[in-house]
């Protein structure tokens, strides 16, 4: 997948051109499964997906295909893998950053696609019902009720993903995405920077290092989270991640003053 992002002078003028390919799984935000949080602007774009799809993706780390990215708005263009070299060559030769011109060029290579019948996007009502709850605990309760009532295999898989993730990361990630609904991209990036430093500081937990060890180093997929369960994650723990830095720490400074209009 090629992603081209173009920023205007102000957040309300941000324009994204995102090209997805036909790879089976091209998008995921699995950070909670390694004791981290969706970063790099994820709390901004996840919070702007239809309904509570962003919460579902951010907490479970589930994959989306290129077709699904088009359908939910994460991508603006879709092309077959065979055409990607042509697209890359065309982009290399362009001398403008005007998104309308680039979008017109990409449009020459796009294909019309739709999610298949098994896509999670066909479950948006159930996603909203379960992942629209106020807390992680309530989300899990809603999924468990669906499993008990309807024996829903999709809910069972979602529960499995949630129970594999760091309990603290789940609560931090949910709050981050919810705050992102009411913040600009700049504000989301600044908050995510703070969360990232707190996640790696080990002041509250060593979950990030433990998650990396379990999934990427030893690959035993058996992380020992601390705290080990949701009911041991206190409000103070979560609040610490979101609290402003003290005078000895520096907040993220974005180069907003030097943003230029499109050529």
Protein backbone atom coordinates (compact mmCIF):
# COMPACT_ATOMS: atom_id res chain seq x y z
CA UNK A 1 0.00 0.00 0.00
CA UNK A 2 1.18 3.51 -0.80
CA UNK A 3 -0.03 6.32 1.41
CA UNK A 4 0.32 9.92 0.26
CA UNK A 5 -0.65 12.55 2.82
CA UNK A 6 -0.81 16.26 2.13
CA UNK A 7 -1.26 18.92 4.80
CA UNK A 8 -2.75 22.36 4.31
CA UNK A 9 -1.89 25.38 6.47
CA UNK A 10 -4.58 24.60 9.03
CA UNK A 11 -6.04 21.39 10.34
CA UNK A 12 -9.41 21.98 8.70
CA UNK A 13 -7.67 22.06 5.31
CA UNK A 14 -5.93 18.71 5.70
CA UNK A 15 -6.31 16.58 2.59
CA UNK A 16 -5.33 12.93 2.41
CA UNK A 17 -4.80 10.89 -0.73
CA UNK A 18 -4.41 7.25 0.25
CA UNK A 19 -3.90 4.44 -2.21
CA UNK A 20 -4.71 0.88 -1.15
CA UNK A 21 -3.71 -2.26 -3.02
CA UNK A 22 -5.24 -5.72 -3.32
CA UNK A 23 -3.09 -7.29 -0.58
CA UNK A 24 -5.24 -9.42 1.70
CA UNK A 25 -4.37 -7.53 4.88
CA UNK A 26 -3.00 -4.05 4.41
CA UNK A 27 -4.06 -2.10 7.51
CA UNK A 28 -4.03 -2.79 11.25
CA UNK A 29 -3.42 -0.98 14.54
CA UNK A 30 -2.23 -3.82 16.82
CA UNK A 31 -0.44 -1.62 19.36
CA UNK A 32 -2.59 -2.62 22.36
CA UNK A 33 -1.47 -6.22 21.80
CA UNK A 34 2.13 -5.15 22.48
CA UNK A 35 1.40 -2.90 25.45
CA UNK A 36 1.38 0.36 23.49
CA UNK A 37 -1.34 2.58 21.98
CA UNK A 38 -2.44 3.54 18.43
CA UNK A 39 -0.05 6.35 17.50
CA UNK A 40 1.16 8.38 14.49
CA UNK A 41 -2.19 10.17 14.28
CA UNK A 42 -4.25 7.00 14.70
CA UNK A 43 -6.48 8.51 17.40
CA UNK A 44 -7.42 11.19 14.86
CA UNK A 45 -8.34 9.01 11.89
CA UNK A 46 -9.71 6.05 13.86
CA UNK A 47 -12.10 8.35 15.71
CA UNK A 48 -13.45 9.61 12.38
CA UNK A 49 -14.37 6.23 10.93
CA UNK A 50 -18.06 5.24 10.70
CA UNK A 51 -19.70 4.63 14.07
CA UNK A 52 -17.37 2.95 16.53
CA UNK A 53 -15.33 1.07 13.94
CA UNK A 54 -12.23 2.96 15.10
CA UNK A 55 -12.61 1.70 18.65
CA UNK A 56 -13.00 -1.85 17.34
CA UNK A 57 -9.87 -1.63 15.19
CA UNK A 58 -7.81 0.18 17.83
CA UNK A 59 -8.62 -2.24 20.64
CA UNK A 60 -8.59 -5.57 18.79
CA UNK A 61 -5.84 -4.83 16.26
CA UNK A 62 -7.96 -6.48 13.57
CA UNK A 63 -6.87 -6.23 9.92
CA UNK A 64 -8.65 -4.49 7.08
CA UNK A 65 -8.21 -5.30 3.40
CA UNK A 66 -7.72 -2.68 0.72
CA UNK A 67 -11.35 -3.09 -0.30
CA UNK A 68 -12.47 -2.46 3.28
CA UNK A 69 -10.24 0.60 3.55
CA UNK A 70 -11.99 2.10 0.54
CA UNK A 71 -15.44 1.31 1.94
CA UNK A 72 -14.83 2.87 5.37
CA UNK A 73 -12.91 5.91 4.11
CA UNK A 74 -9.39 4.98 5.22
CA UNK A 75 -8.29 4.99 1.58
CA UNK A 76 -9.30 7.24 -1.30
CA UNK A 77 -8.05 5.12 -4.22
CA UNK A 78 -7.64 1.39 -4.90
CA UNK A 79 -5.46 -0.25 -7.52
CA UNK A 80 -4.29 -3.73 -8.40
CA UNK A 81 -0.79 -4.72 -7.31
CA UNK A 82 0.27 -5.04 -10.95
CA UNK A 83 -0.30 -1.31 -11.45
CA UNK A 84 1.70 -0.15 -8.42
CA UNK A 85 4.99 0.29 -10.36
CA UNK A 86 3.18 2.58 -12.82
CA UNK A 87 1.70 4.59 -9.96
CA UNK A 88 5.08 4.95 -8.25
CA UNK A 89 6.70 6.07 -11.50
CA UNK A 90 3.94 8.62 -12.11
CA UNK A 91 4.28 10.06 -8.61
CA UNK A 92 8.07 10.31 -8.92
CA UNK A 93 7.72 12.44 -12.04
CA UNK A 94 5.21 14.88 -10.57
CA UNK A 95 6.46 18.33 -9.54
CA UNK A 96 3.40 19.50 -7.62
CA UNK A 97 1.95 18.82 -4.20
CA UNK A 98 -1.54 19.96 -5.18
CA UNK A 99 -3.80 17.11 -3.99
CA UNK A 100 -6.37 17.73 -6.73
CA UNK A 101 -3.73 17.22 -9.43
CA UNK A 102 -2.26 14.17 -7.72
CA UNK A 103 -5.73 12.74 -7.11
CA UNK A 104 -6.57 13.09 -10.80
CA UNK A 105 -3.38 11.24 -11.69
CA UNK A 106 -4.13 8.42 -9.26
CA UNK A 107 -7.66 8.15 -10.66
CA UNK A 108 -6.22 6.84 -13.93
CA UNK A 109 -5.10 3.65 -12.18
CA UNK A 110 -8.00 2.94 -9.81
CA UNK A 111 -10.37 -0.01 -9.73
CA UNK A 112 -13.92 -0.12 -8.37
CA UNK A 113 -14.07 -2.62 -5.51
CA UNK A 114 -16.39 -3.61 -2.67
CA UNK A 115 -15.88 -5.57 0.59
CA UNK A 116 -16.79 -9.25 0.41
CA UNK A 117 -19.77 -10.73 2.25
CA UNK A 118 -17.63 -11.75 5.22
CA UNK A 119 -16.29 -8.25 5.82
CA UNK A 120 -16.47 -6.82 9.32
CA UNK A 121 -18.01 -3.71 7.75
CA UNK A 122 -21.25 -5.66 7.38
CA UNK A 123 -21.29 -5.91 11.19
CA UNK A 124 -21.21 -2.18 11.83
CA UNK A 125 -24.45 -2.26 13.86
CA UNK A 126 -23.05 -4.90 16.19
CA UNK A 127 -19.73 -3.03 16.39
CA UNK A 128 -21.60 0.12 17.42
CA UNK A 129 -23.66 -1.81 19.96
CA UNK A 130 -20.62 -3.38 21.62
CA UNK A 131 -17.75 -0.93 21.05
CA UNK A 132 -19.87 2.16 21.61
CA UNK A 133 -19.90 1.42 25.35
CA UNK A 134 -18.22 3.88 27.72
CA UNK A 135 -15.56 1.59 29.19
CA UNK A 136 -13.49 -1.42 28.17
CA UNK A 137 -15.27 -3.47 30.83
CA UNK A 138 -18.65 -2.55 29.35
CA UNK A 139 -17.42 -3.40 25.84
CA UNK A 140 -16.38 -6.86 27.05
CA UNK A 141 -19.71 -7.33 28.86
CA UNK A 142 -21.60 -6.42 25.68
CA UNK A 143 -19.58 -8.89 23.62
CA UNK A 144 -20.06 -11.64 26.21
CA UNK A 145 -23.81 -11.00 26.20
CA UNK A 146 -23.85 -11.36 22.41
CA UNK A 147 -21.93 -14.64 22.66
CA UNK A 148 -24.27 -15.97 25.34
CA UNK A 149 -27.39 -14.92 23.46
CA UNK A 150 -26.49 -15.53 19.83
CA UNK A 151 -23.36 -17.73 19.93
CA UNK A 152 -21.73 -15.17 17.63
CA UNK A 153 -18.32 -16.40 16.43
CA UNK A 154 -17.23 -12.87 15.50
CA UNK A 155 -17.87 -11.68 19.07
CA UNK A 156 -15.92 -14.64 20.40
CA UNK A 157 -12.92 -13.70 18.27
CA UNK A 158 -13.17 -10.04 19.32
CA UNK A 159 -13.22 -11.11 22.97
CA UNK A 160 -10.15 -13.27 22.43
CA UNK A 161 -8.27 -10.30 20.92
CA UNK A 162 -9.22 -8.04 23.82
CA UNK A 163 -8.19 -10.56 26.44
CA UNK A 164 -4.80 -11.01 24.76
CA UNK A 165 -4.06 -7.27 24.93
CA UNK A 166 -2.52 -5.29 27.76
CA UNK A 167 -5.35 -4.25 30.13
CA UNK A 168 -3.73 -0.86 30.75
CA UNK A 169 -3.15 -0.30 27.03
CA UNK A 170 -6.80 -1.07 26.29
CA UNK A 171 -7.97 1.64 28.68
CA UNK A 172 -5.39 4.15 27.46
CA UNK A 173 -6.20 3.39 23.81
CA UNK A 174 -9.96 3.71 24.27
CA UNK A 175 -9.62 7.06 26.02
CA UNK A 176 -7.18 8.29 23.38
CA UNK A 177 -9.54 7.46 20.51
CA UNK A 178 -12.50 8.98 22.33
CA UNK A 179 -10.59 12.21 22.97
CA UNK A 180 -9.53 12.23 19.33
CA UNK A 181 -13.16 12.67 18.28
CA UNK A 182 -13.06 16.23 19.58
CA UNK A 183 -9.48 17.23 18.79
CA UNK A 184 -7.52 18.45 15.80
CA UNK A 185 -4.77 16.37 14.22
CA UNK A 186 -2.14 18.55 15.91
CA UNK A 187 -3.75 17.96 19.30
CA UNK A 188 -3.94 14.22 18.67
CA UNK A 189 -0.28 14.04 17.69
CA UNK A 190 0.75 15.98 20.78
CA UNK A 191 -1.28 13.72 23.06
CA UNK A 192 0.01 10.56 21.38
CA UNK A 193 3.57 11.80 21.82
CA UNK A 194 2.91 12.14 25.54
CA UNK A 195 1.35 8.67 25.68
CA UNK A 196 4.31 7.17 23.82
CA UNK A 197 6.87 8.61 26.23
CA UNK A 198 4.83 7.47 29.21
CA UNK A 199 4.43 3.99 27.69
CA UNK A 200 8.19 3.57 27.35
CA UNK A 201 9.19 5.26 30.63
CA UNK A 202 8.28 2.26 32.84
CA UNK A 203 6.95 4.62 35.53
CA UNK A 204 3.66 2.73 35.69
CA UNK A 205 4.32 -0.53 33.88
CA UNK A 206 6.78 -2.43 31.72
CA UNK A 207 4.01 -3.64 29.41
CA UNK A 208 5.52 -2.26 26.21
CA UNK A 209 8.83 -4.09 26.69
CA UNK A 210 6.95 -7.21 27.76
CA UNK A 211 4.68 -7.06 24.73
CA UNK A 212 7.62 -6.66 22.36
CA UNK A 213 9.38 -9.56 24.04
CA UNK A 214 6.35 -11.86 23.82
CA UNK A 215 5.37 -11.06 20.23
CA UNK A 216 8.54 -9.99 18.46
CA UNK A 217 11.56 -11.36 20.34
CA UNK A 218 10.82 -14.66 22.08
CA UNK A 219 7.53 -15.07 20.17
CA UNK A 220 5.97 -17.15 22.92
CA UNK A 221 2.81 -14.98 22.70
CA UNK A 222 2.42 -15.22 26.46
CA UNK A 223 3.00 -11.72 27.84
CA UNK A 224 2.83 -11.17 31.58
CA UNK A 225 0.93 -7.90 31.76
CA UNK A 226 1.20 -5.62 34.79
CA UNK A 227 -1.50 -5.01 35.91
CA UNK A 228 -2.71 -8.43 34.75
CA UNK A 229 -6.43 -7.62 34.54
CA UNK A 230 -8.73 -4.68 33.93
CA UNK A 231 -10.03 -4.38 37.49
CA UNK A 232 -6.49 -3.71 38.69
CA UNK A 233 -6.00 -0.80 36.28
CA UNK A 234 -6.74 2.29 38.35
CA UNK A 235 -7.97 5.65 37.10
CA UNK A 236 -4.76 7.23 38.41
CA UNK A 237 -2.68 4.92 36.20
CA UNK A 238 -4.58 5.97 33.10
CA UNK A 239 -4.61 9.64 34.10
CA UNK A 240 -0.81 9.59 34.42
CA UNK A 241 -0.48 8.80 30.72
CA UNK A 242 -2.58 11.82 29.74
CA UNK A 243 -1.24 14.32 32.28
CA UNK A 244 0.78 17.27 30.92
CA UNK A 245 4.54 17.03 31.27
CA UNK A 246 6.29 18.81 34.13
CA UNK A 247 8.74 21.66 33.63
CA UNK A 248 11.62 19.23 33.04
CA UNK A 249 9.89 17.53 30.11
CA UNK A 250 9.07 18.98 26.72
CA UNK A 251 5.76 18.66 24.92
CA UNK A 252 5.76 17.89 21.21
CA UNK A 253 6.40 21.01 19.15
CA UNK A 254 4.96 20.72 15.65
CA UNK A 255 6.33 22.98 12.87
CA UNK A 256 2.95 24.61 12.32
CA UNK A 257 4.45 28.05 11.71
CA UNK A 258 6.39 26.90 8.65
CA UNK A 259 3.62 25.01 6.87
CA UNK A 260 3.38 26.19 3.31
CA UNK A 261 0.44 26.35 0.92
CA UNK A 262 0.40 23.93 -1.98
CA UNK A 263 2.72 24.79 -4.87
